[in-house]
Amino acid sequence: PLIAIDNMHSPKSVNDLLLSNKNYERLAFDELLALELQREEIIKQSIENSTTSFALVGPTSLTGALINSLPFELTTSQLKSIDNIMSDLADNKRMVHLLQGDVCSGKSIVAFIALFRAVECGKQGILLAPVELLVTQFYNNL
């Protein structure tokens, strides 16, 4: 990386200034690697240093009824995500999850089912939406 930094700060040719230059690729890779390692360390420390949480245990009949009453079938990926989240909700360790997916891929229903499970266990929760359109959809459909 030192050669890459040196070539960028003191270019020896016009080629050293091009974004397609290997120096930029090397520095971009190093930066992404550093960010990923930091993220992993933050998650590790967060889990190690956190106090225990409450486990959501008890009957799942209402959550099951909600899933069965949906006017569509959940995808295999949604069911797998729900299973992973439910498993973690039943544990007393703090959860660290990021549910990723394309626009309109069904992330909201997975989040709603997890929230519903918390309510079924006597807890409270909130479903946040980043845009007004999604808030309106939640209000009208959930």
N, C-alpha and C. Protein backbone atom coordinates (compact mmCIF):
# COMPACT_ATOMS: atom_id res chain seq x y z
N PRO A 1 0.80 -1.21 0.00
CA PRO A 1 0.00 0.00 0.00
C PRO A 1 0.84 1.27 0.00
N LEU A 2 2.05 1.20 0.53
CA LEU A 2 2.87 2.41 0.57
C LEU A 2 3.25 2.86 -0.83
N ILE A 3 3.54 1.92 -1.71
CA ILE A 3 3.86 2.27 -3.10
C ILE A 3 2.65 2.91 -3.77
N ALA A 4 1.47 2.35 -3.52
CA ALA A 4 0.24 2.89 -4.10
C ALA A 4 0.01 4.31 -3.63
N ILE A 5 0.19 4.56 -2.34
CA ILE A 5 0.00 5.91 -1.79
C ILE A 5 1.04 6.86 -2.37
N ASP A 6 2.28 6.42 -2.45
CA ASP A 6 3.35 7.25 -3.00
C ASP A 6 3.05 7.60 -4.45
N ASN A 7 2.62 6.62 -5.25
CA ASN A 7 2.32 6.89 -6.66
C ASN A 7 1.13 7.83 -6.83
N MET A 8 0.19 7.79 -5.91
CA MET A 8 -0.96 8.68 -6.02
C MET A 8 -0.60 10.11 -5.61
N HIS A 9 0.25 10.25 -4.59
CA HIS A 9 0.63 11.58 -4.12
C HIS A 9 1.73 12.21 -4.97
N SER A 10 2.53 11.38 -5.57
CA SER A 10 3.62 11.87 -6.44
C SER A 10 3.59 11.09 -7.74
N PRO A 11 2.59 11.35 -8.59
CA PRO A 11 2.48 10.57 -9.83
C PRO A 11 3.68 10.77 -10.73
N LYS A 12 4.10 9.67 -11.33
CA LYS A 12 5.25 9.72 -12.23
C LYS A 12 4.81 9.81 -13.68
N SER A 13 3.53 9.53 -13.93
CA SER A 13 2.99 9.64 -15.29
C SER A 13 1.50 9.91 -15.20
N VAL A 14 0.90 10.21 -16.34
CA VAL A 14 -0.54 10.44 -16.42
C VAL A 14 -1.30 9.17 -16.02
N ASN A 15 -0.75 8.01 -16.34
CA ASN A 15 -1.36 6.73 -16.00
C ASN A 15 -1.58 6.58 -14.50
N ASP A 16 -0.69 7.16 -13.71
CA ASP A 16 -0.82 7.07 -12.25
C ASP A 16 -2.05 7.81 -11.73
N LEU A 17 -2.63 8.70 -12.56
CA LEU A 17 -3.80 9.49 -12.15
C LEU A 17 -5.12 8.86 -12.56
N LEU A 18 -5.09 7.84 -13.41
CA LEU A 18 -6.32 7.22 -13.90
C LEU A 18 -6.97 6.36 -12.84
N LEU A 19 -8.32 6.39 -12.77
CA LEU A 19 -9.04 5.57 -11.80
C LEU A 19 -8.88 4.09 -12.06
N SER A 20 -8.56 3.72 -13.29
CA SER A 20 -8.36 2.31 -13.62
C SER A 20 -6.99 1.80 -13.17
N ASN A 21 -6.19 2.68 -12.64
CA ASN A 21 -4.85 2.31 -12.19
C ASN A 21 -4.93 1.34 -11.01
N LYS A 22 -4.02 0.42 -10.98
CA LYS A 22 -3.97 -0.60 -9.90
C LYS A 22 -3.77 0.03 -8.52
N ASN A 23 -3.17 1.21 -8.46
CA ASN A 23 -2.98 1.87 -7.16
C ASN A 23 -4.32 2.17 -6.51
N TYR A 24 -5.29 2.66 -7.31
CA TYR A 24 -6.62 2.94 -6.78
C TYR A 24 -7.32 1.66 -6.33
N GLU A 25 -7.18 0.62 -7.14
CA GLU A 25 -7.79 -0.66 -6.78
C GLU A 25 -7.24 -1.18 -5.46
N ARG A 26 -5.92 -1.07 -5.29
CA ARG A 26 -5.29 -1.56 -4.07
C ARG A 26 -5.77 -0.78 -2.85
N LEU A 27 -5.79 0.54 -2.99
CA LEU A 27 -6.23 1.35 -1.86
C LEU A 27 -7.72 1.15 -1.55
N ALA A 28 -8.53 1.00 -2.57
CA ALA A 28 -9.96 0.74 -2.36
C ALA A 28 -10.15 -0.60 -1.64
N PHE A 29 -9.41 -1.61 -2.08
CA PHE A 29 -9.49 -2.92 -1.42
C PHE A 29 -9.07 -2.82 0.04
N ASP A 30 -7.94 -2.15 0.28
CA ASP A 30 -7.46 -2.01 1.66
C ASP A 30 -8.47 -1.28 2.54
N GLU A 31 -9.11 -0.25 1.98
CA GLU A 31 -10.10 0.50 2.75
C GLU A 31 -11.33 -0.35 3.06
N LEU A 32 -11.81 -1.09 2.08
CA LEU A 32 -12.97 -1.96 2.31
C LEU A 32 -12.64 -3.06 3.31
N LEU A 33 -11.44 -3.62 3.20
CA LEU A 33 -11.03 -4.65 4.15
C LEU A 33 -10.97 -4.09 5.57
N ALA A 34 -10.41 -2.89 5.72
CA ALA A 34 -10.33 -2.27 7.04
C ALA A 34 -11.73 -2.01 7.61
N LEU A 35 -12.64 -1.53 6.76
CA LEU A 35 -14.01 -1.29 7.22
C LEU A 35 -14.70 -2.58 7.65
N GLU A 36 -14.52 -3.63 6.89
CA GLU A 36 -15.13 -4.92 7.23
C GLU A 36 -14.57 -5.47 8.54
N LEU A 37 -13.26 -5.36 8.71
CA LEU A 37 -12.65 -5.83 9.96
C LEU A 37 -13.14 -5.01 11.16
N GLN A 38 -13.30 -3.71 10.97
CA GLN A 38 -13.83 -2.86 12.04
C GLN A 38 -15.27 -3.24 12.37
N ARG A 39 -16.07 -3.49 11.34
CA ARG A 39 -17.47 -3.87 11.55
C ARG A 39 -17.56 -5.16 12.34
N GLU A 40 -16.75 -6.15 11.95
CA GLU A 40 -16.75 -7.43 12.66
C GLU A 40 -16.33 -7.25 14.11
N GLU A 41 -15.35 -6.41 14.37
CA GLU A 41 -14.89 -6.17 15.74
C GLU A 41 -15.97 -5.46 16.56
N ILE A 42 -16.67 -4.52 15.96
CA ILE A 42 -17.75 -3.82 16.65
C ILE A 42 -18.85 -4.80 17.03
N ILE A 43 -19.23 -5.67 16.11
CA ILE A 43 -20.26 -6.67 16.40
C ILE A 43 -19.79 -7.60 17.50
N LYS A 44 -18.55 -8.06 17.42
CA LYS A 44 -18.00 -8.98 18.44
C LYS A 44 -18.02 -8.32 19.82
N GLN A 45 -17.55 -7.08 19.89
CA GLN A 45 -17.53 -6.37 21.18
C GLN A 45 -18.94 -6.08 21.68
N SER A 46 -19.83 -5.75 20.77
CA SER A 46 -21.21 -5.48 21.14
C SER A 46 -21.84 -6.70 21.79
N ILE A 47 -21.60 -7.85 21.20
CA ILE A 47 -22.17 -9.09 21.74
C ILE A 47 -21.52 -9.46 23.05
N GLU A 48 -20.19 -9.35 23.13
CA GLU A 48 -19.47 -9.72 24.34
C GLU A 48 -19.78 -8.81 25.51
N ASN A 49 -19.97 -7.52 25.24
CA ASN A 49 -20.16 -6.54 26.30
C ASN A 49 -21.62 -6.27 26.65
N SER A 50 -22.51 -6.86 25.90
CA SER A 50 -23.92 -6.56 26.13
C SER A 50 -24.45 -7.35 27.32
N THR A 51 -25.41 -6.75 27.94
CA THR A 51 -26.10 -7.47 28.99
C THR A 51 -27.06 -8.44 28.32
N THR A 52 -27.49 -9.39 29.07
CA THR A 52 -28.42 -10.35 28.48
C THR A 52 -29.75 -9.67 28.21
N SER A 53 -30.39 -10.16 27.20
CA SER A 53 -31.69 -9.64 26.82
C SER A 53 -32.75 -10.61 27.30
N PHE A 54 -33.99 -10.31 27.05
CA PHE A 54 -35.06 -11.23 27.41
C PHE A 54 -35.32 -12.16 26.22
N ALA A 55 -35.61 -13.39 26.52
CA ALA A 55 -35.92 -14.36 25.48
C ALA A 55 -37.42 -14.34 25.22
N LEU A 56 -37.79 -14.36 23.97
CA LEU A 56 -39.20 -14.42 23.61
C LEU A 56 -39.59 -15.88 23.49
N VAL A 57 -40.16 -16.40 24.57
CA VAL A 57 -40.54 -17.81 24.61
C VAL A 57 -42.04 -17.92 24.87
N GLY A 58 -42.56 -19.07 24.56
CA GLY A 58 -43.98 -19.30 24.76
C GLY A 58 -44.62 -19.78 23.48
N PRO A 59 -45.92 -19.95 23.53
CA PRO A 59 -46.63 -20.46 22.36
C PRO A 59 -46.45 -19.54 21.15
N THR A 60 -46.41 -20.13 19.98
CA THR A 60 -46.26 -19.37 18.74
C THR A 60 -47.51 -19.47 17.88
N SER A 61 -48.64 -19.79 18.52
CA SER A 61 -49.85 -20.04 17.74
C SER A 61 -50.33 -18.80 16.99
N LEU A 62 -50.25 -17.61 17.59
CA LEU A 62 -50.70 -16.40 16.90
C LEU A 62 -49.77 -16.06 15.73
N THR A 63 -48.47 -16.20 15.95
CA THR A 63 -47.52 -15.94 14.86
C THR A 63 -47.74 -16.92 13.72
N GLY A 64 -47.95 -18.18 14.06
CA GLY A 64 -48.24 -19.19 13.03
C GLY A 64 -49.52 -18.87 12.28
N ALA A 65 -50.54 -18.44 13.02
CA ALA A 65 -51.82 -18.09 12.40
C ALA A 65 -51.64 -16.88 11.47
N LEU A 66 -50.82 -15.91 11.88
CA LEU A 66 -50.55 -14.76 11.02
C LEU A 66 -49.91 -15.21 9.71
N ILE A 67 -48.90 -16.04 9.81
CA ILE A 67 -48.21 -16.52 8.61
C ILE A 67 -49.18 -17.28 7.71
N ASN A 68 -50.01 -18.13 8.32
CA ASN A 68 -50.96 -18.91 7.52
C ASN A 68 -52.07 -18.07 6.90
N SER A 69 -52.34 -16.90 7.49
CA SER A 69 -53.42 -16.06 6.98
C SER A 69 -52.97 -15.09 5.88
N LEU A 70 -51.69 -15.07 5.60
CA LEU A 70 -51.20 -14.16 4.56
C LEU A 70 -51.82 -14.52 3.21
N PRO A 71 -52.16 -13.54 2.40
CA PRO A 71 -52.78 -13.82 1.09
C PRO A 71 -51.76 -14.26 0.03
N PHE A 72 -50.57 -14.60 0.46
CA PHE A 72 -49.51 -15.07 -0.44
C PHE A 72 -48.63 -16.03 0.34
N GLU A 73 -47.84 -16.80 -0.37
CA GLU A 73 -46.91 -17.71 0.30
C GLU A 73 -45.56 -17.03 0.46
N LEU A 74 -44.96 -17.21 1.61
CA LEU A 74 -43.63 -16.67 1.83
C LEU A 74 -42.62 -17.48 1.02
N THR A 75 -41.57 -16.81 0.57
CA THR A 75 -40.54 -17.49 -0.20
C THR A 75 -39.66 -18.33 0.74
N THR A 76 -38.90 -19.20 0.16
CA THR A 76 -37.97 -20.02 0.95
C THR A 76 -37.00 -19.14 1.71
N SER A 77 -36.51 -18.08 1.07
CA SER A 77 -35.58 -17.16 1.73
C SER A 77 -36.24 -16.43 2.90
N GLN A 78 -37.49 -16.02 2.71
CA GLN A 78 -38.21 -15.35 3.80
C GLN A 78 -38.41 -16.30 4.97
N LEU A 79 -38.81 -17.53 4.68
CA LEU A 79 -39.02 -18.51 5.75
C LEU A 79 -37.72 -18.81 6.49
N LYS A 80 -36.62 -18.88 5.75
CA LYS A 80 -35.31 -19.13 6.38
C LYS A 80 -34.94 -17.95 7.28
N SER A 81 -35.15 -16.73 6.78
CA SER A 81 -34.85 -15.54 7.58
C SER A 81 -35.72 -15.49 8.84
N ILE A 82 -37.00 -15.79 8.68
CA ILE A 82 -37.91 -15.80 9.84
C ILE A 82 -37.46 -16.84 10.84
N ASP A 83 -37.08 -18.01 10.37
CA ASP A 83 -36.62 -19.08 11.26
C ASP A 83 -35.37 -18.64 12.03
N ASN A 84 -34.43 -18.02 11.34
CA ASN A 84 -33.21 -17.54 12.01
C ASN A 84 -33.52 -16.47 13.05
N ILE A 85 -34.40 -15.55 12.69
CA ILE A 85 -34.75 -14.48 13.62
C ILE A 85 -35.50 -15.04 14.83
N MET A 86 -36.45 -15.93 14.58
CA MET A 86 -37.22 -16.53 15.69
C MET A 86 -36.31 -17.30 16.64
N SER A 87 -35.34 -17.98 16.07
CA SER A 87 -34.38 -18.73 16.90
C SER A 87 -33.59 -17.77 17.80
N ASP A 88 -33.15 -16.65 17.22
CA ASP A 88 -32.41 -15.66 18.01
C ASP A 88 -33.31 -14.96 19.02
N LEU A 89 -34.57 -14.73 18.67
CA LEU A 89 -35.50 -14.09 19.61
C LEU A 89 -35.75 -14.98 20.83
N ALA A 90 -35.65 -16.28 20.64
CA ALA A 90 -35.88 -17.21 21.74
C ALA A 90 -34.66 -17.33 22.65
N ASP A 91 -33.56 -16.73 22.28
CA ASP A 91 -32.33 -16.77 23.08
C ASP A 91 -32.24 -15.48 23.88
N ASN A 92 -31.50 -15.50 24.96
CA ASN A 92 -31.39 -14.28 25.78
C ASN A 92 -30.15 -13.46 25.44
N LYS A 93 -29.56 -13.72 24.27
CA LYS A 93 -28.43 -12.93 23.81
C LYS A 93 -28.92 -11.83 22.88
N ARG A 94 -28.20 -10.75 22.87
CA ARG A 94 -28.55 -9.62 22.03
C ARG A 94 -28.40 -10.00 20.55
N MET A 95 -29.37 -9.60 19.77
CA MET A 95 -29.35 -9.90 18.34
C MET A 95 -28.62 -8.81 17.57
N VAL A 96 -27.89 -9.21 16.54
CA VAL A 96 -27.29 -8.29 15.59
C VAL A 96 -27.61 -8.85 14.22
N HIS A 97 -28.61 -8.28 13.57
CA HIS A 97 -29.07 -8.78 12.27
C HIS A 97 -29.16 -7.64 11.28
N LEU A 98 -28.91 -7.98 10.03
CA LEU A 98 -29.17 -7.08 8.93
C LEU A 98 -29.89 -7.89 7.87
N LEU A 99 -31.13 -7.54 7.62
CA LEU A 99 -31.93 -8.24 6.62
C LEU A 99 -31.78 -7.49 5.30
N GLN A 100 -31.13 -8.14 4.35
CA GLN A 100 -30.86 -7.50 3.07
C GLN A 100 -31.72 -8.12 1.98
N GLY A 101 -32.07 -7.31 1.01
CA GLY A 101 -32.82 -7.80 -0.13
C GLY A 101 -33.13 -6.67 -1.09
N ASP A 102 -33.48 -7.04 -2.31
CA ASP A 102 -33.83 -6.05 -3.31
C ASP A 102 -35.12 -5.33 -2.91
N VAL A 103 -35.40 -4.23 -3.58
CA VAL A 103 -36.65 -3.51 -3.38
C VAL A 103 -37.80 -4.46 -3.70
N CYS A 104 -38.81 -4.46 -2.86
CA CYS A 104 -40.01 -5.31 -3.03
C CYS A 104 -39.70 -6.80 -2.93
N SER A 105 -38.68 -7.17 -2.18
CA SER A 105 -38.34 -8.58 -2.05
C SER A 105 -38.98 -9.23 -0.82
N GLY A 106 -39.69 -8.46 0.00
CA GLY A 106 -40.40 -9.03 1.13
C GLY A 106 -39.72 -8.86 2.47
N LYS A 107 -38.86 -7.88 2.61
CA LYS A 107 -38.19 -7.64 3.89
C LYS A 107 -39.17 -7.14 4.95
N SER A 108 -40.13 -6.32 4.53
CA SER A 108 -41.07 -5.72 5.49
C SER A 108 -41.92 -6.77 6.18
N ILE A 109 -42.38 -7.78 5.46
CA ILE A 109 -43.21 -8.80 6.10
C ILE A 109 -42.40 -9.63 7.08
N VAL A 110 -41.14 -9.85 6.76
CA VAL A 110 -40.26 -10.58 7.70
C VAL A 110 -40.11 -9.76 8.98
N ALA A 111 -39.87 -8.46 8.83
CA ALA A 111 -39.74 -7.59 10.01
C ALA A 111 -41.04 -7.54 10.80
N PHE A 112 -42.17 -7.47 10.10
CA PHE A 112 -43.46 -7.41 10.78
C PHE A 112 -43.73 -8.70 11.56
N ILE A 113 -43.38 -9.84 10.99
CA ILE A 113 -43.60 -11.12 11.68
C ILE A 113 -42.74 -11.18 12.94
N ALA A 114 -41.52 -10.68 12.88
CA ALA A 114 -40.66 -10.65 14.08
C ALA A 114 -41.26 -9.72 15.14
N LEU A 115 -41.77 -8.58 14.70
CA LEU A 115 -42.42 -7.65 15.62
C LEU A 115 -43.68 -8.27 16.23
N PHE A 116 -44.44 -8.95 15.41
CA PHE A 116 -45.66 -9.62 15.87
C PHE A 116 -45.33 -10.66 16.94
N ARG A 117 -44.22 -11.38 16.74
CA ARG A 117 -43.79 -12.38 17.72
C ARG A 117 -43.50 -11.72 19.07
N ALA A 118 -42.85 -10.56 19.03
CA ALA A 118 -42.55 -9.85 20.27
C ALA A 118 -43.84 -9.46 20.98
N VAL A 119 -44.81 -8.98 20.22
CA VAL A 119 -46.11 -8.59 20.80
C VAL A 119 -46.81 -9.82 21.36
N GLU A 120 -46.74 -10.94 20.65
CA GLU A 120 -47.36 -12.18 21.13
C GLU A 120 -46.77 -12.60 22.48
N CYS A 121 -45.52 -12.24 22.71
CA CYS A 121 -44.86 -12.59 23.98
C CYS A 121 -45.00 -11.49 25.02
N GLY A 122 -45.88 -10.52 24.77
CA GLY A 122 -46.16 -9.48 25.75
C GLY A 122 -45.20 -8.31 25.73
N LYS A 123 -44.41 -8.18 24.69
CA LYS A 123 -43.46 -7.07 24.60
C LYS A 123 -43.99 -6.02 23.63
N GLN A 124 -43.27 -4.93 23.53
CA GLN A 124 -43.63 -3.86 22.61
C GLN A 124 -42.55 -3.75 21.54
N GLY A 125 -42.92 -3.13 20.45
CA GLY A 125 -41.95 -2.92 19.39
C GLY A 125 -42.43 -1.83 18.46
N ILE A 126 -41.60 -1.51 17.51
CA ILE A 126 -41.95 -0.47 16.55
C ILE A 126 -41.39 -0.88 15.19
N LEU A 127 -42.14 -0.60 14.17
CA LEU A 127 -41.73 -0.87 12.80
C LEU A 127 -41.47 0.48 12.14
N LEU A 128 -40.22 0.74 11.81
CA LEU A 128 -39.84 2.01 11.21
C LEU A 128 -39.77 1.88 9.70
N ALA A 129 -40.07 2.97 9.03
CA ALA A 129 -40.00 3.00 7.57
C ALA A 129 -39.22 4.23 7.14
N PRO A 130 -38.33 4.08 6.17
CA PRO A 130 -37.47 5.20 5.78
C PRO A 130 -38.13 6.21 4.84
N VAL A 131 -39.25 5.85 4.23
CA VAL A 131 -39.89 6.77 3.28
C VAL A 131 -41.40 6.78 3.52
N GLU A 132 -42.03 7.90 3.18
CA GLU A 132 -43.46 8.08 3.42
C GLU A 132 -44.31 7.04 2.68
N LEU A 133 -43.91 6.68 1.48
CA LEU A 133 -44.65 5.69 0.71
C LEU A 133 -44.74 4.37 1.47
N LEU A 134 -43.64 3.95 2.07
CA LEU A 134 -43.63 2.70 2.83
C LEU A 134 -44.47 2.83 4.10
N VAL A 135 -44.43 3.99 4.73
CA VAL A 135 -45.28 4.23 5.92
C VAL A 135 -46.74 4.07 5.55
N THR A 136 -47.13 4.64 4.42
CA THR A 136 -48.52 4.54 3.96
C THR A 136 -48.89 3.09 3.67
N GLN A 137 -47.99 2.36 3.04
CA GLN A 137 -48.25 0.94 2.76
C GLN A 137 -48.40 0.16 4.05
N PHE A 138 -47.54 0.42 5.02
CA PHE A 138 -47.65 -0.27 6.32
C PHE A 138 -49.00 0.03 6.95
N TYR A 139 -49.36 1.31 6.98
CA TYR A 139 -50.61 1.72 7.61
C TYR A 139 -51.83 1.05 6.94
N ASN A 140 -51.82 1.02 5.63
CA ASN A 140 -52.97 0.47 4.88
C ASN A 140 -53.02 -1.05 4.86
N ASN A 141 -51.88 -1.71 4.97
CA ASN A 141 -51.85 -3.16 4.76
C ASN A 141 -51.53 -3.99 5.99
N LEU A 142 -50.92 -3.39 6.99
CA LEU A 142 -50.57 -4.18 8.17
C LEU A 142 -51.53 -3.83 9.29
